Amino acid sequence: MKRQAVKSVAKGIKSALDVVLRTEANTASCAIMYQPKAPQKLMKYRRNK
């Protein structure tokens, strides 16, 4: 039961972070922290590649 709850919470957190990454990858400035150059790994979250 505890293991299922932990997995469920982890999936929810992952989904929330994916939304944040998509939003931040498509904005001019980052709201969470200052980041002048976007890492190449963020390219998979961008709408326009």
Protein backbone atom coordinates (compact mmCIF):
# COMPACT_ATOMS: atom_id res chain seq x y z
CA MET A 1 0.00 0.00 0.00
CA LYS A 2 2.78 2.44 0.94
CA ARG A 3 4.74 1.56 -2.20
CA GLN A 4 1.69 2.33 -4.39
CA ALA A 5 1.21 5.68 -2.66
CA VAL A 6 4.86 6.61 -3.18
CA LYS A 7 4.66 5.68 -6.88
CA SER A 8 1.46 7.68 -7.27
CA VAL A 9 3.00 10.76 -5.67
CA ALA A 10 6.14 10.38 -7.78
CA LYS A 11 4.06 10.25 -10.98
CA GLY A 12 2.20 13.40 -9.92
CA ILE A 13 5.42 15.27 -9.19
CA LYS A 14 6.91 14.18 -12.52
CA SER A 15 3.83 15.42 -14.37
CA ALA A 16 3.97 18.77 -12.58
CA LEU A 17 7.68 19.20 -13.34
CA ASP A 18 7.10 18.33 -17.01
CA VAL A 19 4.52 21.13 -17.21
CA VAL A 20 6.97 23.56 -15.58
CA LEU A 21 9.76 22.53 -17.97
CA ARG A 22 7.52 22.98 -21.02
CA THR A 23 6.43 26.40 -19.81
CA GLU A 24 9.95 27.56 -19.01
CA ALA A 25 11.38 26.21 -22.28
CA ASN A 26 8.91 28.34 -24.25
CA THR A 27 9.32 31.63 -22.37
CA ALA A 28 11.92 34.34 -22.81
CA SER A 29 12.97 34.31 -19.17
CA CYS A 30 12.92 31.65 -16.52
CA ALA A 31 10.66 32.33 -13.53
CA ILE A 32 12.26 29.78 -11.21
CA MET A 33 15.91 30.77 -11.59
CA TYR A 34 18.08 32.88 -13.88
CA GLN A 35 19.51 30.76 -16.68
CA PRO A 36 21.12 32.66 -19.58
CA LYS A 37 21.71 29.60 -21.79
CA ALA A 38 19.22 26.78 -22.00
CA PRO A 39 20.69 23.27 -21.81
CA GLN A 40 20.35 21.11 -24.92
CA LYS A 41 18.19 18.62 -23.00
CA LEU A 42 15.40 21.23 -22.82
CA MET A 43 15.01 21.04 -26.59
CA LYS A 44 12.79 17.96 -26.28
CA TYR A 45 10.24 20.05 -24.33
CA ARG A 46 10.10 22.93 -26.82
CA ARG A 47 7.13 23.37 -29.12
CA ASN A 48 9.24 24.81 -31.97
CA LYS A 49 12.39 22.79 -32.58
